[in-house]
PDB file of N, CA and C in Angstrom:
ATOM      1  N   UNK A   1      12.155  84.594 -86.210  1.00  0.00           N
ATOM      2  CA  UNK A   1      12.171  85.597 -85.025  1.00  0.00           C
ATOM      3  C   UNK A   1      11.542  86.377 -85.655  1.00  0.00           C
ATOM      4  N   UNK A   2      10.890  87.380 -85.580  1.00  0.00           N
ATOM      5  CA  UNK A   2       9.370  88.047 -85.699  1.00  0.00           C
ATOM      6  C   UNK A   2       9.803  89.161 -84.385  1.00  0.00           C
ATOM      7  N   UNK A   3      10.172  90.482 -85.536  1.00  0.00           N
ATOM      8  CA  UNK A   3      10.500  91.781 -84.838  1.00  0.00           C
ATOM      9  C   UNK A   3       9.391  93.004 -84.616  1.00  0.00           C
ATOM     10  N   UNK A   4       9.425  93.682 -83.750  1.00  0.00           N
ATOM     11  CA  UNK A   4       8.916  94.997 -83.182  1.00  0.00           C
ATOM     12  C   UNK A   4       9.609  95.565 -83.026  1.00  0.00           C
ATOM     13  N   UNK A   5       8.754  96.902 -83.530  1.00  0.00           N
ATOM     14  CA  UNK A   5       8.851  98.075 -83.214  1.00  0.00           C
ATOM     15  C   UNK A   5       8.425  99.103 -81.945  1.00  0.00           C
ATOM     16  N   UNK A   6       9.237  99.147 -81.324  1.00  0.00           N
ATOM     17  CA  UNK A   6       8.699 100.124 -80.710  1.00  0.00           C
ATOM     18  C   UNK A   6       8.759 101.388 -81.065  1.00  0.00           C
ATOM     19  N   UNK A   7       6.985 102.401 -81.108  1.00  0.00           N
ATOM     20  CA  UNK A   7       6.457 103.480 -81.739  1.00  0.00           C
ATOM     21  C   UNK A   7       6.761 104.803 -80.818  1.00  0.00           C
ATOM     22  N   UNK A   8       7.239 104.635 -80.086  1.00  0.00           N
ATOM     23  CA  UNK A   8       7.750 105.873 -79.246  1.00  0.00           C
ATOM     24  C   UNK A   8       9.109 106.606 -79.617  1.00  0.00           C
ATOM     25  N   UNK A   9      10.099 105.392 -79.551  1.00  0.00           N
ATOM     26  CA  UNK A   9      11.276 105.394 -79.500  1.00  0.00           C
ATOM     27  C   UNK A   9      12.329 104.805 -80.752  1.00  0.00           C
ATOM     28  N   UNK A  10      11.458 103.633 -81.893  1.00  0.00           N
ATOM     29  CA  UNK A  10      11.585 102.683 -82.815  1.00  0.00           C
ATOM     30  C   UNK A  10      12.556 102.309 -82.787  1.00  0.00           C
ATOM     31  N   UNK A  11      12.645 101.874 -81.249  1.00  0.00           N
ATOM     32  CA  UNK A  11      13.723 100.946 -81.174  1.00  0.00           C
ATOM     33  C   UNK A  11      13.220  99.295 -81.765  1.00  0.00           C
ATOM     34  N   UNK A  12      14.161  98.242 -81.941  1.00  0.00           N
ATOM     35  CA  UNK A  12      13.254  97.150 -82.697  1.00  0.00           C
ATOM     36  C   UNK A  12      14.113  96.107 -81.604  1.00  0.00           C
ATOM     37  N   UNK A  13      13.292  94.921 -81.568  1.00  0.00           N
ATOM     38  CA  UNK A  13      13.157  93.722 -80.643  1.00  0.00           C
ATOM     39  C   UNK A  13      12.294  92.734 -81.076  1.00  0.00           C
ATOM     40  N   UNK A  14      12.912  91.394 -80.894  1.00  0.00           N
ATOM     41  CA  UNK A  14      12.304  89.968 -81.217  1.00  0.00           C
ATOM     42  C   UNK A  14      10.983  90.048 -80.332  1.00  0.00           C
ATOM     43  N   UNK A  15       9.632  89.279 -80.798  1.00  0.00           N
ATOM     44  CA  UNK A  15       9.052  89.267 -79.712  1.00  0.00           C
ATOM     45  C   UNK A  15       9.024  88.049 -78.741  1.00  0.00           C
ATOM     46  N   UNK A  16       8.079  87.820 -78.094  1.00  0.00           N
ATOM     47  CA  UNK A  16       7.415  87.076 -76.985  1.00  0.00           C
ATOM     48  C   UNK A  16       8.051  85.429 -77.684  1.00  0.00           C
ATOM     49  N   UNK A  17       7.637  84.932 -78.666  1.00  0.00           N
ATOM     50  CA  UNK A  17       7.593  83.789 -79.170  1.00  0.00           C
ATOM     51  C   UNK A  17       9.240  84.222 -80.003  1.00  0.00           C
ATOM     52  N   UNK A  18      10.222  84.565 -79.825  1.00  0.00           N
ATOM     53  CA  UNK A  18      11.932  84.684 -79.481  1.00  0.00           C
ATOM     54  C   UNK A  18      12.386  84.083 -77.924  1.00  0.00           C
ATOM     55  N   UNK A  19      13.244  83.746 -78.033  1.00  0.00           N
ATOM     56  CA  UNK A  19      13.941  83.289 -77.427  1.00  0.00           C
ATOM     57  C   UNK A  19      14.172  84.230 -75.869  1.00  0.00           C
ATOM     58  N   UNK A  20      14.791  85.923 -76.946  1.00  0.00           N
ATOM     59  CA  UNK A  20      15.355  87.210 -76.162  1.00  0.00           C
ATOM     60  C   UNK A  20      13.990  87.866 -75.931  1.00  0.00           C
ATOM     61  N   UNK A  21      13.281  88.134 -76.326  1.00  0.00           N
ATOM     62  CA  UNK A  21      11.668  88.381 -76.063  1.00  0.00           C
ATOM     63  C   UNK A  21      12.349  90.102 -75.927  1.00  0.00           C
ATOM     64  N   UNK A  22      13.261  90.188 -76.565  1.00  0.00           N
ATOM     65  CA  UNK A  22      13.379  91.671 -76.371  1.00  0.00           C
ATOM     66  C   UNK A  22      12.075  92.537 -76.770  1.00  0.00           C
ATOM     67  N   UNK A  23      11.342  93.098 -77.128  1.00  0.00           N
ATOM     68  CA  UNK A  23      10.422  93.583 -77.003  1.00  0.00           C
ATOM     69  C   UNK A  23       9.600  94.119 -75.804  1.00  0.00           C
ATOM     70  N   UNK A  24       9.210  92.582 -75.029  1.00  0.00           N
ATOM     71  CA  UNK A  24       8.393  92.682 -73.852  1.00  0.00           C
ATOM     72  C   UNK A  24       9.788  93.499 -72.777  1.00  0.00           C
ATOM     73  N   UNK A  25      11.070  92.693 -73.051  1.00  0.00           N
ATOM     74  CA  UNK A  25      11.800  93.783 -71.717  1.00  0.00           C
ATOM     75  C   UNK A  25      11.539  95.260 -72.117  1.00  0.00           C
ATOM     76  N   UNK A  26      12.239  95.245 -73.213  1.00  0.00           N
ATOM     77  CA  UNK A  26      11.799  97.211 -74.035  1.00  0.00           C
ATOM     78  C   UNK A  26      10.545  97.699 -72.713  1.00  0.00           C
ATOM     79  N   UNK A  27       9.450  97.097 -73.208  1.00  0.00           N
ATOM     80  CA  UNK A  27       8.050  97.587 -72.575  1.00  0.00           C
ATOM     81  C   UNK A  27       8.518  98.258 -70.771  1.00  0.00           C
ATOM     82  N   UNK A  28       9.190  96.259 -69.691  1.00  0.00           N
ATOM     83  CA  UNK A  28       9.595  96.865 -69.101  1.00  0.00           C
ATOM     84  C   UNK A  28      10.142  97.767 -68.565  1.00  0.00           C
ATOM     85  N   UNK A  29      11.259  97.926 -69.055  1.00  0.00           N
ATOM     86  CA  UNK A  29      12.314  99.156 -69.094  1.00  0.00           C
ATOM     87  C   UNK A  29      11.627 100.158 -69.632  1.00  0.00           C
ATOM     88  N   UNK A  30      11.168 100.627 -70.066  1.00  0.00           N
ATOM     89  CA  UNK A  30      10.814 101.904 -70.054  1.00  0.00           C
ATOM     90  C   UNK A  30       9.346 102.600 -70.057  1.00  0.00           C
ATOM     91  N   UNK A  31       8.831 101.717 -70.073  1.00  0.00           N
ATOM     92  CA  UNK A  31       6.773 101.456 -70.330  1.00  0.00           C
ATOM     93  C   UNK A  31       6.458 102.200 -71.131  1.00  0.00           C
ATOM     94  N   UNK A  32       7.283 102.228 -72.672  1.00  0.00           N
ATOM     95  CA  UNK A  32       6.550 102.684 -73.858  1.00  0.00           C
ATOM     96  C   UNK A  32       5.820 101.576 -74.355  1.00  0.00           C
ATOM     97  N   UNK A  33       4.056 101.565 -74.265  1.00  0.00           N
ATOM     98  CA  UNK A  33       2.980 100.818 -74.517  1.00  0.00           C
ATOM     99  C   UNK A  33       2.726 100.260 -75.888  1.00  0.00           C
ATOM    100  N   UNK A  34       3.134 101.133 -76.778  1.00  0.00           N
ATOM    101  CA  UNK A  34       2.711 100.532 -78.090  1.00  0.00           C
ATOM    102  C   UNK A  34       3.870 100.445 -78.681  1.00  0.00           C
ATOM    103  N   UNK A  35       3.963  98.972 -79.832  1.00  0.00           N
ATOM    104  CA  UNK A  35       4.756  98.118 -80.761  1.00  0.00           C
ATOM    105  C   UNK A  35       3.952  97.705 -82.140  1.00  0.00           C
ATOM    106  N   UNK A  36       5.224  98.064 -82.887  1.00  0.00           N
ATOM    107  CA  UNK A  36       3.903  97.919 -83.967  1.00  0.00           C
ATOM    108  C   UNK A  36       4.877  96.614 -84.806  1.00  0.00           C
ATOM    109  N   UNK A  37       4.444  95.822 -85.734  1.00  0.00           N
ATOM    110  CA  UNK A  37       5.308  94.649 -86.523  1.00  0.00           C
ATOM    111  C   UNK A  37       6.728  95.376 -87.554  1.00  0.00           C
ATOM    112  N   UNK A  38       7.710  95.149 -87.393  1.00  0.00           N
ATOM    113  CA  UNK A  38       8.671  95.506 -88.059  1.00  0.00           C
ATOM    114  C   UNK A  38       8.913  94.299 -88.788  1.00  0.00           C
ATOM    115  N   UNK A  39       7.261  93.235 -89.818  1.00  0.00           N
ATOM    116  CA  UNK A  39       7.966  92.529 -90.686  1.00  0.00           C
ATOM    117  C   UNK A  39       7.079  93.203 -91.953  1.00  0.00           C
ATOM    118  N   UNK A  40       7.934  92.870 -92.824  1.00  0.00           N
ATOM    119  CA  UNK A  40       7.429  93.623 -94.319  1.00  0.00           C
ATOM    120  C   UNK A  40       5.850  92.810 -94.555  1.00  0.00           C
ATOM    121  N   UNK A  41       5.190  93.457 -94.844  1.00  0.00           N
ATOM    122  CA  UNK A  41       3.759  93.617 -95.174  1.00  0.00           C
ATOM    123  C   UNK A  41       2.827  93.888 -94.099  1.00  0.00           C
ATOM    124  N   UNK A  42       3.137  94.099 -93.013  1.00  0.00           N
ATOM    125  CA  UNK A  42       2.243  94.234 -91.806  1.00  0.00           C
ATOM    126  C   UNK A  42       2.173  94.863 -90.770  1.00  0.00           C
ATOM    127  N   UNK A  43       1.072  95.963 -90.629  1.00  0.00           N
ATOM    128  CA  UNK A  43       1.639  96.281 -90.209  1.00  0.00           C
ATOM    129  C   UNK A  43       0.502  97.229 -89.123  1.00  0.00           C
ATOM    130  N   UNK A  44      -0.396  96.154 -88.401  1.00  0.00           N
ATOM    131  CA  UNK A  44      -0.954  95.887 -87.059  1.00  0.00           C
ATOM    132  C   UNK A  44      -0.002  97.110 -86.042  1.00  0.00           C
ATOM    133  N   UNK A  45      -0.719  97.078 -84.824  1.00  0.00           N
ATOM    134  CA  UNK A  45      -0.294  97.500 -83.339  1.00  0.00           C
ATOM    135  C   UNK A  45      -0.125  96.763 -82.452  1.00  0.00           C
ATOM    136  N   UNK A  46       0.389  97.169 -81.492  1.00  0.00           N
ATOM    137  CA  UNK A  46       0.005  95.761 -79.915  1.00  0.00           C
ATOM    138  C   UNK A  46      -0.006  97.230 -78.688  1.00  0.00           C
ATOM    139  N   UNK A  47      -0.826  97.191 -78.117  1.00  0.00           N
ATOM    140  CA  UNK A  47      -0.508  97.746 -76.706  1.00  0.00           C
ATOM    141  C   UNK A  47      -0.645  96.897 -75.445  1.00  0.00           C
ATOM    142  N   UNK A  48       0.688  97.063 -74.825  1.00  0.00           N
ATOM    143  CA  UNK A  48       1.023  96.285 -73.781  1.00  0.00           C
ATOM    144  C   UNK A  48       0.294  96.605 -72.711  1.00  0.00           C
ATOM    145  N   UNK A  49      -0.025  95.762 -71.711  1.00  0.00           N
ATOM    146  CA  UNK A  49      -1.423  96.381 -70.631  1.00  0.00           C
ATOM    147  C   UNK A  49      -0.053  97.045 -69.398  1.00  0.00           C
ATOM    148  N   UNK A  50      -0.624  98.798 -69.649  1.00  0.00           N
ATOM    149  CA  UNK A  50       0.527  99.126 -68.341  1.00  0.00           C
ATOM    150  C   UNK A  50       0.067  99.455 -66.930  1.00  0.00           C
ATOM    151  N   UNK A  51      -1.382  98.892 -66.928  1.00  0.00           N
ATOM    152  CA  UNK A  51      -2.119  99.369 -65.966  1.00  0.00           C
ATOM    153  C   UNK A  51      -3.170  98.293 -65.295  1.00  0.00           C
ATOM    154  N   UNK A  52      -3.400  98.610 -64.466  1.00  0.00           N
ATOM    155  CA  UNK A  52      -5.249  97.561 -63.920  1.00  0.00           C
ATOM    156  C   UNK A  52      -5.719  98.144 -63.164  1.00  0.00           C
ATOM    157  N   UNK A  53      -7.343  97.896 -63.066  1.00  0.00           N
ATOM    158  CA  UNK A  53      -7.790  98.488 -61.750  1.00  0.00           C
ATOM    159  C   UNK A  53      -8.754  97.275 -61.619  1.00  0.00           C
ATOM    160  N   UNK A  54      -8.814  97.568 -60.410  1.00  0.00           N
ATOM    161  CA  UNK A  54     -10.141  96.544 -59.837  1.00  0.00           C
ATOM    162  C   UNK A  54     -11.113  96.125 -60.077  1.00  0.00           C
TER     163      UNK A  54
END
């Protein structure tokens, strides 16, 4: 299981490759757009797509 941290509130959840997909569920419930890896030695960040234009 890979863990992701919400950079708005600091909550940690599992990523989409895990059964629960808690990090994406948190984004859908709150709209917090940025997460960071919570794995040791990883510092990358990810932005969820929060809007699209035509």
